[in-house]
Amino acid sequence: MYWIAKIFQAAGLALMGWGFIKYFPHLMPHNIFLIAGVFFLTGWAIQAYFLKDHG
């Protein structure tokens, strides 16, 4: 589960980086930013809520 969370986070950051590079010097489209954010936040939520240390 830890690796799934990290893969989602990395995918979100990679998508945001790709959008930044592809559309430079203009702003990346909002839909790419939102999709990247959803990926990253999904990974963060998995890590924060499903992988809590209960000990």
PDB file of N, CA and C in Angstrom:
ATOM      1  N   MET A   1       0.823  -1.185   0.000  1.00  0.00           N
ATOM      2  CA  MET A   1       0.000   0.000   0.000  1.00  0.00           C
ATOM      3  C   MET A   1       0.876   1.261   0.000  1.00  0.00           C
ATOM      4  N   TYR A   2       2.016   1.181   0.688  1.00  0.00           N
ATOM      5  CA  TYR A   2       2.936   2.313   0.718  1.00  0.00           C
ATOM      6  C   TYR A   2       3.402   2.660  -0.691  1.00  0.00           C
ATOM      7  N   TRP A   3       3.750   1.638  -1.462  1.00  0.00           N
ATOM      8  CA  TRP A   3       4.252   1.879  -2.821  1.00  0.00           C
ATOM      9  C   TRP A   3       3.163   2.429  -3.730  1.00  0.00           C
ATOM     10  N   ILE A   4       1.942   1.999  -3.534  1.00  0.00           N
ATOM     11  CA  ILE A   4       0.829   2.536  -4.326  1.00  0.00           C
ATOM     12  C   ILE A   4       0.673   4.030  -4.040  1.00  0.00           C
ATOM     13  N   ALA A   5       0.760   4.409  -2.773  1.00  0.00           N
ATOM     14  CA  ALA A   5       0.652   5.819  -2.405  1.00  0.00           C
ATOM     15  C   ALA A   5       1.773   6.628  -3.044  1.00  0.00           C
ATOM     16  N   LYS A   6       2.994   6.118  -2.987  1.00  0.00           N
ATOM     17  CA  LYS A   6       4.130   6.842  -3.557  1.00  0.00           C
ATOM     18  C   LYS A   6       4.055   6.913  -5.078  1.00  0.00           C
ATOM     19  N   ILE A   7       3.532   5.871  -5.718  1.00  0.00           N
ATOM     20  CA  ILE A   7       3.381   5.888  -7.175  1.00  0.00           C
ATOM     21  C   ILE A   7       2.352   6.946  -7.583  1.00  0.00           C
ATOM     22  N   PHE A   8       1.253   7.045  -6.842  1.00  0.00           N
ATOM     23  CA  PHE A   8       0.259   8.089  -7.129  1.00  0.00           C
ATOM     24  C   PHE A   8       0.862   9.478  -6.948  1.00  0.00           C
ATOM     25  N   GLN A   9       1.620   9.664  -5.884  1.00  0.00           N
ATOM     26  CA  GLN A   9       2.238  10.968  -5.652  1.00  0.00           C
ATOM     27  C   GLN A   9       3.238  11.298  -6.752  1.00  0.00           C
ATOM     28  N   ALA A  10       4.066  10.327  -7.119  1.00  0.00           N
ATOM     29  CA  ALA A  10       5.061  10.558  -8.169  1.00  0.00           C
ATOM     30  C   ALA A  10       4.386  10.824  -9.513  1.00  0.00           C
ATOM     31  N   ALA A  11       3.297  10.112  -9.790  1.00  0.00           N
ATOM     32  CA  ALA A  11       2.578  10.332 -11.046  1.00  0.00           C
ATOM     33  C   ALA A  11       2.001  11.744 -11.103  1.00  0.00           C
ATOM     34  N   GLY A  12       1.469  12.209  -9.994  1.00  0.00           N
ATOM     35  CA  GLY A  12       0.945  13.573  -9.953  1.00  0.00           C
ATOM     36  C   GLY A  12       2.026  14.610 -10.185  1.00  0.00           C
ATOM     37  N   LEU A  13       3.174  14.429  -9.544  1.00  0.00           N
ATOM     38  CA  LEU A  13       4.268  15.374  -9.734  1.00  0.00           C
ATOM     39  C   LEU A  13       4.833  15.302 -11.149  1.00  0.00           C
ATOM     40  N   ALA A  14       4.936  14.081 -11.691  1.00  0.00           N
ATOM     41  CA  ALA A  14       5.454  13.924 -13.055  1.00  0.00           C
ATOM     42  C   ALA A  14       4.505  14.555 -14.072  1.00  0.00           C
ATOM     43  N   LEU A  15       3.211  14.373 -13.879  1.00  0.00           N
ATOM     44  CA  LEU A  15       2.234  14.968 -14.785  1.00  0.00           C
ATOM     45  C   LEU A  15       2.290  16.493 -14.725  1.00  0.00           C
ATOM     46  N   MET A  16       2.458  17.025 -13.540  1.00  0.00           N
ATOM     47  CA  MET A  16       2.562  18.473 -13.405  1.00  0.00           C
ATOM     48  C   MET A  16       3.855  18.979 -14.058  1.00  0.00           C
ATOM     49  N   GLY A  17       4.933  18.264 -13.869  1.00  0.00           N
ATOM     50  CA  GLY A  17       6.191  18.645 -14.503  1.00  0.00           C
ATOM     51  C   GLY A  17       6.113  18.566 -16.019  1.00  0.00           C
ATOM     52  N   TRP A  18       5.472  17.516 -16.529  1.00  0.00           N
ATOM     53  CA  TRP A  18       5.299  17.368 -17.976  1.00  0.00           C
ATOM     54  C   TRP A  18       4.467  18.521 -18.535  1.00  0.00           C
ATOM     55  N   GLY A  19       3.384  18.861 -17.854  1.00  0.00           N
ATOM     56  CA  GLY A  19       2.543  19.968 -18.303  1.00  0.00           C
ATOM     57  C   GLY A  19       3.284  21.289 -18.278  1.00  0.00           C
ATOM     58  N   PHE A  20       4.122  21.485 -17.268  1.00  0.00           N
ATOM     59  CA  PHE A  20       4.902  22.720 -17.182  1.00  0.00           C
ATOM     60  C   PHE A  20       5.887  22.816 -18.339  1.00  0.00           C
ATOM     61  N   ILE A  21       6.585  21.719 -18.615  1.00  0.00           N
ATOM     62  CA  ILE A  21       7.588  21.732 -19.684  1.00  0.00           C
ATOM     63  C   ILE A  21       6.929  21.833 -21.057  1.00  0.00           C
ATOM     64  N   LYS A  22       5.849  21.101 -21.274  1.00  0.00           N
ATOM     65  CA  LYS A  22       5.208  21.087 -22.586  1.00  0.00           C
ATOM     66  C   LYS A  22       4.643  22.453 -22.972  1.00  0.00           C
ATOM     67  N   TYR A  23       4.041  23.143 -22.032  1.00  0.00           N
ATOM     68  CA  TYR A  23       3.363  24.397 -22.340  1.00  0.00           C
ATOM     69  C   TYR A  23       4.188  25.636 -21.993  1.00  0.00           C
ATOM     70  N   PHE A  24       5.446  25.449 -21.576  1.00  0.00           N
ATOM     71  CA  PHE A  24       6.305  26.592 -21.263  1.00  0.00           C
ATOM     72  C   PHE A  24       6.512  27.423 -22.509  1.00  0.00           C
ATOM     73  N   PRO A  25       6.454  28.694 -22.502  1.00  0.00           N
ATOM     74  CA  PRO A  25       6.405  29.681 -21.425  1.00  0.00           C
ATOM     75  C   PRO A  25       4.979  30.066 -21.022  1.00  0.00           C
ATOM     76  N   HIS A  26       3.971  29.402 -21.559  1.00  0.00           N
ATOM     77  CA  HIS A  26       2.595  29.704 -21.165  1.00  0.00           C
ATOM     78  C   HIS A  26       2.214  28.853 -19.962  1.00  0.00           C
ATOM     79  N   LEU A  27       1.087  29.179 -19.363  1.00  0.00           N
ATOM     80  CA  LEU A  27       0.589  28.387 -18.256  1.00  0.00           C
ATOM     81  C   LEU A  27       0.033  27.070 -18.773  1.00  0.00           C
ATOM     82  N   MET A  28       0.172  26.023 -17.975  1.00  0.00           N
ATOM     83  CA  MET A  28      -0.409  24.741 -18.377  1.00  0.00           C
ATOM     84  C   MET A  28      -1.927  24.821 -18.231  1.00  0.00           C
ATOM     85  N   PRO A  29      -2.651  24.043 -19.021  1.00  0.00           N
ATOM     86  CA  PRO A  29      -4.116  24.055 -18.900  1.00  0.00           C
ATOM     87  C   PRO A  29      -4.572  23.622 -17.499  1.00  0.00           C
ATOM     88  N   HIS A  30      -5.692  24.138 -17.103  1.00  0.00           N
ATOM     89  CA  HIS A  30      -6.204  23.851 -15.761  1.00  0.00           C
ATOM     90  C   HIS A  30      -6.528  22.383 -15.574  1.00  0.00           C
ATOM     91  N   ASN A  31      -6.984  21.708 -16.631  1.00  0.00           N
ATOM     92  CA  ASN A  31      -7.361  20.302 -16.466  1.00  0.00           C
ATOM     93  C   ASN A  31      -6.148  19.427 -16.149  1.00  0.00           C
ATOM     94  N   ILE A  32      -4.989  19.736 -16.718  1.00  0.00           N
ATOM     95  CA  ILE A  32      -3.778  18.979 -16.386  1.00  0.00           C
ATOM     96  C   ILE A  32      -3.404  19.236 -14.929  1.00  0.00           C
ATOM     97  N   PHE A  33      -3.487  20.476 -14.502  1.00  0.00           N
ATOM     98  CA  PHE A  33      -3.177  20.824 -13.115  1.00  0.00           C
ATOM     99  C   PHE A  33      -4.118  20.106 -12.152  1.00  0.00           C
ATOM    100  N   LEU A  34      -5.404  20.065 -12.478  1.00  0.00           N
ATOM    101  CA  LEU A  34      -6.374  19.409 -11.600  1.00  0.00           C
ATOM    102  C   LEU A  34      -6.179  17.899 -11.560  1.00  0.00           C
ATOM    103  N   ILE A  35      -5.917  17.286 -12.702  1.00  0.00           N
ATOM    104  CA  ILE A  35      -5.695  15.839 -12.735  1.00  0.00           C
ATOM    105  C   ILE A  35      -4.438  15.484 -11.949  1.00  0.00           C
ATOM    106  N   ALA A  36      -3.379  16.263 -12.116  1.00  0.00           N
ATOM    107  CA  ALA A  36      -2.150  16.029 -11.363  1.00  0.00           C
ATOM    108  C   ALA A  36      -2.403  16.191  -9.863  1.00  0.00           C
ATOM    109  N   GLY A  37      -3.171  17.180  -9.506  1.00  0.00           N
ATOM    110  CA  GLY A  37      -3.509  17.385  -8.097  1.00  0.00           C
ATOM    111  C   GLY A  37      -4.317  16.246  -7.519  1.00  0.00           C
ATOM    112  N   VAL A  38      -5.237  15.716  -8.297  1.00  0.00           N
ATOM    113  CA  VAL A  38      -6.041  14.582  -7.835  1.00  0.00           C
ATOM    114  C   VAL A  38      -5.154  13.356  -7.620  1.00  0.00           C
ATOM    115  N   PHE A  39      -4.247  13.100  -8.552  1.00  0.00           N
ATOM    116  CA  PHE A  39      -3.323  11.979  -8.387  1.00  0.00           C
ATOM    117  C   PHE A  39      -2.492  12.152  -7.113  1.00  0.00           C
ATOM    118  N   PHE A  40      -1.916  13.339  -6.945  1.00  0.00           N
ATOM    119  CA  PHE A  40      -1.063  13.564  -5.787  1.00  0.00           C
ATOM    120  C   PHE A  40      -1.856  13.460  -4.486  1.00  0.00           C
ATOM    121  N   LEU A  41      -3.025  14.072  -4.445  1.00  0.00           N
ATOM    122  CA  LEU A  41      -3.823  14.029  -3.220  1.00  0.00           C
ATOM    123  C   LEU A  41      -4.339  12.633  -2.908  1.00  0.00           C
ATOM    124  N   THR A  42      -4.595  11.827  -3.931  1.00  0.00           N
ATOM    125  CA  THR A  42      -4.990  10.440  -3.701  1.00  0.00           C
ATOM    126  C   THR A  42      -3.856   9.684  -3.012  1.00  0.00           C
ATOM    127  N   GLY A  43      -2.653   9.844  -3.520  1.00  0.00           N
ATOM    128  CA  GLY A  43      -1.505   9.209  -2.884  1.00  0.00           C
ATOM    129  C   GLY A  43      -1.272   9.708  -1.473  1.00  0.00           C
ATOM    130  N   TRP A  44      -1.436  11.008  -1.272  1.00  0.00           N
ATOM    131  CA  TRP A  44      -1.261  11.566   0.065  1.00  0.00           C
ATOM    132  C   TRP A  44      -2.316  11.021   1.027  1.00  0.00           C
ATOM    133  N   ALA A  45      -3.560  10.917   0.559  1.00  0.00           N
ATOM    134  CA  ALA A  45      -4.639  10.413   1.411  1.00  0.00           C
ATOM    135  C   ALA A  45      -4.406   8.951   1.777  1.00  0.00           C
ATOM    136  N   ILE A  46      -3.952   8.162   0.825  1.00  0.00           N
ATOM    137  CA  ILE A  46      -3.641   6.764   1.129  1.00  0.00           C
ATOM    138  C   ILE A  46      -2.566   6.689   2.198  1.00  0.00           C
ATOM    139  N   GLN A  47      -1.531   7.487   2.033  1.00  0.00           N
ATOM    140  CA  GLN A  47      -0.436   7.463   2.998  1.00  0.00           C
ATOM    141  C   GLN A  47      -0.884   7.991   4.357  1.00  0.00           C
ATOM    142  N   ALA A  48      -1.668   9.028   4.361  1.00  0.00           N
ATOM    143  CA  ALA A  48      -2.046   9.666   5.628  1.00  0.00           C
ATOM    144  C   ALA A  48      -3.104   8.884   6.400  1.00  0.00           C
ATOM    145  N   TYR A  49      -4.061   8.288   5.711  1.00  0.00           N
ATOM    146  CA  TYR A  49      -5.186   7.692   6.404  1.00  0.00           C
ATOM    147  C   TYR A  49      -5.187   6.165   6.430  1.00  0.00           C
ATOM    148  N   PHE A  50      -4.638   5.525   5.420  1.00  0.00           N
ATOM    149  CA  PHE A  50      -4.636   4.064   5.393  1.00  0.00           C
ATOM    150  C   PHE A  50      -3.367   3.470   5.971  1.00  0.00           C
ATOM    151  N   LEU A  51      -2.315   4.267   6.068  1.00  0.00           N
ATOM    152  CA  LEU A  51      -1.044   3.744   6.572  1.00  0.00           C
ATOM    153  C   LEU A  51      -0.653   4.356   7.901  1.00  0.00           C
ATOM    154  N   LYS A  52      -1.641   4.710   8.714  1.00  0.00           N
ATOM    155  CA  LYS A  52      -1.352   5.267  10.029  1.00  0.00           C
ATOM    156  C   LYS A  52      -0.711   4.193  10.915  1.00  0.00           C
ATOM    157  N   ASP A  53       0.199   4.640  11.748  1.00  0.00           N
ATOM    158  CA  ASP A  53       0.811   3.740  12.716  1.00  0.00           C
ATOM    159  C   ASP A  53      -0.073   3.699  13.948  1.00  0.00           C
ATOM    160  N   HIS A  54      -0.678   2.554  14.199  1.00  0.00           N
ATOM    161  CA  HIS A  54      -1.615   2.429  15.313  1.00  0.00           C
ATOM    162  C   HIS A  54      -0.925   1.906  16.562  1.00  0.00           C
ATOM    163  N   GLY A  55       0.369   1.969  16.608  1.00  0.00           N
ATOM    164  CA  GLY A  55       1.053   1.372  17.757  1.00  0.00           C
ATOM    165  C   GLY A  55       1.630   2.374  18.621  1.00  0.00           C
TER     166      GLY A  55
END
